[in-house]
């Protein structure tokens, strides 16, 4: 039997290209925010950057990935102001 069909029958699906792009984008933005917070001594920015790097592992829906990522980016932006 085909392994891909077996995984799909168990409920596993491949992520969409939009999801992969969003996870990569927000991961890179999280690294930048974490380093910026570390250099400037801003712990809130560091924690939000860490959250940006790790939350794609917890989210499986593309629209939720983008909504949470934009909310975390807004939090970083507000913390920098």
N, C-alpha and C. Protein backbone atom coordinates (compact mmCIF):
# COMPACT_ATOMS: atom_id res chain seq x y z
N UNK A 1 0.85 -1.18 0.00
CA UNK A 1 0.00 0.00 0.00
C UNK A 1 0.89 1.24 0.00
N UNK A 2 0.40 2.29 -0.58
CA UNK A 2 1.13 3.55 -0.68
C UNK A 2 1.18 4.24 0.69
N UNK A 3 2.38 4.63 1.17
CA UNK A 3 2.49 5.28 2.49
C UNK A 3 1.72 6.60 2.57
N UNK A 4 1.66 7.35 1.47
CA UNK A 4 0.93 8.62 1.47
C UNK A 4 -0.56 8.38 1.70
N UNK A 5 -1.12 7.39 1.04
CA UNK A 5 -2.54 7.07 1.24
C UNK A 5 -2.79 6.57 2.66
N UNK A 6 -1.85 5.83 3.21
CA UNK A 6 -2.00 5.34 4.58
C UNK A 6 -2.03 6.50 5.56
N UNK A 7 -1.13 7.45 5.39
CA UNK A 7 -1.11 8.62 6.28
C UNK A 7 -2.37 9.46 6.13
N UNK A 8 -2.84 9.63 4.90
CA UNK A 8 -4.06 10.40 4.69
C UNK A 8 -5.27 9.70 5.29
N UNK A 9 -5.30 8.39 5.26
CA UNK A 9 -6.42 7.67 5.87
C UNK A 9 -6.41 7.78 7.39
N UNK A 10 -5.22 8.05 7.97
CA UNK A 10 -5.12 8.26 9.41
C UNK A 10 -5.39 9.70 9.83
N UNK A 11 -5.61 10.58 8.85
CA UNK A 11 -5.94 11.97 9.15
C UNK A 11 -4.78 12.94 9.00
N UNK A 12 -3.62 12.46 8.57
CA UNK A 12 -2.48 13.34 8.36
C UNK A 12 -2.55 13.95 6.97
N UNK A 13 -2.23 15.24 6.89
CA UNK A 13 -2.22 15.93 5.60
C UNK A 13 -0.95 16.74 5.47
N UNK A 14 -0.52 16.94 4.24
CA UNK A 14 0.64 17.78 3.98
C UNK A 14 0.23 19.22 4.14
N UNK A 15 1.12 20.06 4.67
CA UNK A 15 0.77 21.48 4.78
C UNK A 15 0.72 22.14 3.40
N UNK A 16 -0.08 23.18 3.30
CA UNK A 16 -0.20 23.90 2.03
C UNK A 16 1.04 24.78 1.83
N UNK A 17 1.31 25.20 0.61
CA UNK A 17 2.44 26.12 0.38
C UNK A 17 2.28 27.44 1.14
N UNK A 18 1.05 27.91 1.29
CA UNK A 18 0.82 29.13 2.06
C UNK A 18 1.19 28.95 3.52
N UNK A 19 0.89 27.79 4.07
CA UNK A 19 1.24 27.51 5.46
C UNK A 19 2.76 27.45 5.62
N UNK A 20 3.43 26.76 4.70
CA UNK A 20 4.89 26.66 4.78
C UNK A 20 5.55 28.02 4.66
N UNK A 21 5.05 28.86 3.75
CA UNK A 21 5.59 30.21 3.60
C UNK A 21 5.38 31.02 4.88
N UNK A 22 4.18 30.95 5.45
CA UNK A 22 3.89 31.69 6.68
C UNK A 22 4.73 31.22 7.84
N UNK A 23 4.91 29.91 7.98
CA UNK A 23 5.73 29.39 9.07
C UNK A 23 7.18 29.86 8.94
N UNK A 24 7.68 29.85 7.71
CA UNK A 24 9.05 30.32 7.47
C UNK A 24 9.16 31.81 7.73
N UNK A 25 8.21 32.59 7.22
CA UNK A 25 8.22 34.04 7.39
C UNK A 25 8.18 34.42 8.87
N UNK A 26 7.23 33.88 9.61
CA UNK A 26 7.10 34.24 11.01
C UNK A 26 8.25 33.69 11.86
N UNK A 27 8.82 32.57 11.45
CA UNK A 27 10.00 32.06 12.14
C UNK A 27 11.19 32.99 11.99
N UNK A 28 11.40 33.50 10.79
CA UNK A 28 12.51 34.45 10.55
C UNK A 28 12.25 35.75 11.30
N UNK A 29 11.01 36.24 11.26
CA UNK A 29 10.68 37.45 12.00
C UNK A 29 10.87 37.24 13.51
N UNK A 30 10.59 36.04 13.98
CA UNK A 30 10.80 35.73 15.39
C UNK A 30 12.27 35.76 15.77
N UNK A 31 13.12 35.24 14.90
CA UNK A 31 14.56 35.27 15.16
C UNK A 31 15.04 36.72 15.22
N UNK A 32 14.58 37.53 14.28
CA UNK A 32 14.98 38.95 14.25
C UNK A 32 14.50 39.66 15.52
N UNK A 33 13.26 39.41 15.92
CA UNK A 33 12.72 40.05 17.12
C UNK A 33 13.46 39.58 18.37
N UNK A 34 13.76 38.30 18.45
CA UNK A 34 14.46 37.78 19.61
C UNK A 34 15.84 38.41 19.74
N UNK A 35 16.56 38.49 18.64
CA UNK A 35 17.90 39.10 18.67
C UNK A 35 17.82 40.59 18.98
N UNK A 36 16.84 41.27 18.41
CA UNK A 36 16.67 42.69 18.68
C UNK A 36 16.35 42.93 20.16
N UNK A 37 15.47 42.13 20.71
CA UNK A 37 15.13 42.26 22.12
C UNK A 37 16.31 41.96 23.03
N UNK A 38 17.14 41.03 22.61
CA UNK A 38 18.32 40.69 23.40
C UNK A 38 19.33 41.84 23.38
N UNK A 39 19.55 42.43 22.21
CA UNK A 39 20.51 43.53 22.10
C UNK A 39 20.03 44.78 22.81
N UNK A 40 18.74 45.05 22.76
CA UNK A 40 18.20 46.27 23.36
C UNK A 40 17.76 46.10 24.80
N UNK A 41 17.85 44.89 25.32
CA UNK A 41 17.45 44.64 26.70
C UNK A 41 15.95 44.75 26.92
N UNK A 42 15.17 44.27 25.97
CA UNK A 42 13.71 44.32 26.05
C UNK A 42 13.17 42.88 26.17
N UNK A 43 12.89 42.44 27.39
CA UNK A 43 12.44 41.05 27.57
C UNK A 43 11.10 40.74 26.90
N UNK A 44 10.20 41.71 26.81
CA UNK A 44 8.91 41.45 26.15
C UNK A 44 9.11 41.12 24.68
N UNK A 45 9.98 41.87 24.03
CA UNK A 45 10.27 41.60 22.62
C UNK A 45 10.92 40.23 22.46
N UNK A 46 11.80 39.87 23.37
CA UNK A 46 12.44 38.55 23.30
C UNK A 46 11.41 37.44 23.42
N UNK A 47 10.48 37.55 24.37
CA UNK A 47 9.48 36.50 24.57
C UNK A 47 8.52 36.42 23.38
N UNK A 48 8.14 37.58 22.85
CA UNK A 48 7.27 37.56 21.68
C UNK A 48 8.00 36.99 20.46
N UNK A 49 9.29 37.26 20.33
CA UNK A 49 10.08 36.67 19.26
C UNK A 49 10.16 35.16 19.39
N UNK A 50 10.34 34.70 20.62
CA UNK A 50 10.37 33.25 20.86
C UNK A 50 9.01 32.62 20.53
N UNK A 51 7.95 33.31 20.90
CA UNK A 51 6.61 32.81 20.57
C UNK A 51 6.40 32.74 19.06
N UNK A 52 6.90 33.74 18.33
CA UNK A 52 6.79 33.73 16.87
C UNK A 52 7.54 32.54 16.27
N UNK A 53 8.65 32.19 16.86
CA UNK A 53 9.42 31.06 16.34
C UNK A 53 8.75 29.73 16.61
N UNK A 54 8.05 29.60 17.73
CA UNK A 54 7.56 28.29 18.16
C UNK A 54 6.09 28.01 17.89
N UNK A 55 5.25 29.04 17.76
CA UNK A 55 3.82 28.78 17.65
C UNK A 55 3.41 28.02 16.39
N UNK A 56 4.15 28.08 15.25
CA UNK A 56 3.70 27.28 14.10
C UNK A 56 3.66 25.77 14.38
N UNK A 57 4.39 25.32 15.40
CA UNK A 57 4.34 23.90 15.75
C UNK A 57 3.02 23.53 16.41
N UNK A 58 2.30 24.51 16.92
CA UNK A 58 1.05 24.25 17.63
C UNK A 58 -0.19 24.49 16.79
N UNK A 59 -0.03 25.15 15.65
CA UNK A 59 -1.17 25.56 14.81
C UNK A 59 -1.15 24.74 13.53
N UNK A 60 -2.32 24.25 13.13
CA UNK A 60 -2.36 23.43 11.92
C UNK A 60 -3.18 24.06 10.79
N UNK A 61 -3.86 25.15 11.06
CA UNK A 61 -4.69 25.81 10.06
C UNK A 61 -3.98 27.06 9.54
N UNK A 62 -4.02 27.27 8.24
CA UNK A 62 -3.29 28.38 7.63
C UNK A 62 -3.79 29.74 8.11
N UNK A 63 -5.10 29.93 8.15
CA UNK A 63 -5.60 31.24 8.55
C UNK A 63 -5.29 31.54 10.00
N UNK A 64 -5.28 30.53 10.86
CA UNK A 64 -4.92 30.74 12.27
C UNK A 64 -3.44 31.08 12.39
N UNK A 65 -2.61 30.45 11.55
CA UNK A 65 -1.18 30.74 11.53
C UNK A 65 -0.95 32.22 11.23
N UNK A 66 -1.61 32.74 10.20
CA UNK A 66 -1.43 34.13 9.83
C UNK A 66 -2.04 35.09 10.87
N UNK A 67 -3.20 34.74 11.42
CA UNK A 67 -3.84 35.60 12.41
C UNK A 67 -2.98 35.71 13.67
N UNK A 68 -2.50 34.58 14.16
CA UNK A 68 -1.66 34.61 15.36
C UNK A 68 -0.32 35.29 15.08
N UNK A 69 0.24 35.04 13.92
CA UNK A 69 1.51 35.67 13.55
C UNK A 69 1.39 37.18 13.46
N UNK A 70 0.32 37.65 12.85
CA UNK A 70 0.11 39.09 12.76
C UNK A 70 -0.13 39.71 14.13
N UNK A 71 -0.85 38.99 14.99
CA UNK A 71 -1.09 39.50 16.35
C UNK A 71 0.23 39.59 17.13
N UNK A 72 1.07 38.58 17.01
CA UNK A 72 2.36 38.62 17.71
C UNK A 72 3.26 39.72 17.14
N UNK A 73 3.23 39.90 15.82
CA UNK A 73 4.01 40.99 15.21
C UNK A 73 3.50 42.35 15.68
N UNK A 74 2.19 42.49 15.81
CA UNK A 74 1.63 43.74 16.33
C UNK A 74 2.09 43.97 17.76
N UNK A 75 2.15 42.91 18.56
CA UNK A 75 2.64 43.04 19.93
C UNK A 75 4.09 43.50 19.97
N UNK A 76 4.91 42.97 19.08
CA UNK A 76 6.31 43.40 19.01
C UNK A 76 6.39 44.85 18.59
N UNK A 77 5.60 45.22 17.61
CA UNK A 77 5.61 46.60 17.14
C UNK A 77 5.18 47.56 18.24
N UNK A 78 4.13 47.20 18.99
CA UNK A 78 3.68 48.05 20.08
C UNK A 78 4.72 48.12 21.20
N UNK A 79 5.43 47.05 21.44
CA UNK A 79 6.46 47.06 22.47
C UNK A 79 7.64 47.94 22.07
N UNK A 80 7.92 48.02 20.78
CA UNK A 80 9.04 48.84 20.31
C UNK A 80 8.70 50.32 20.34
N UNK A 81 7.43 50.67 20.33
CA UNK A 81 7.03 52.09 20.33
C UNK A 81 7.21 52.63 21.67
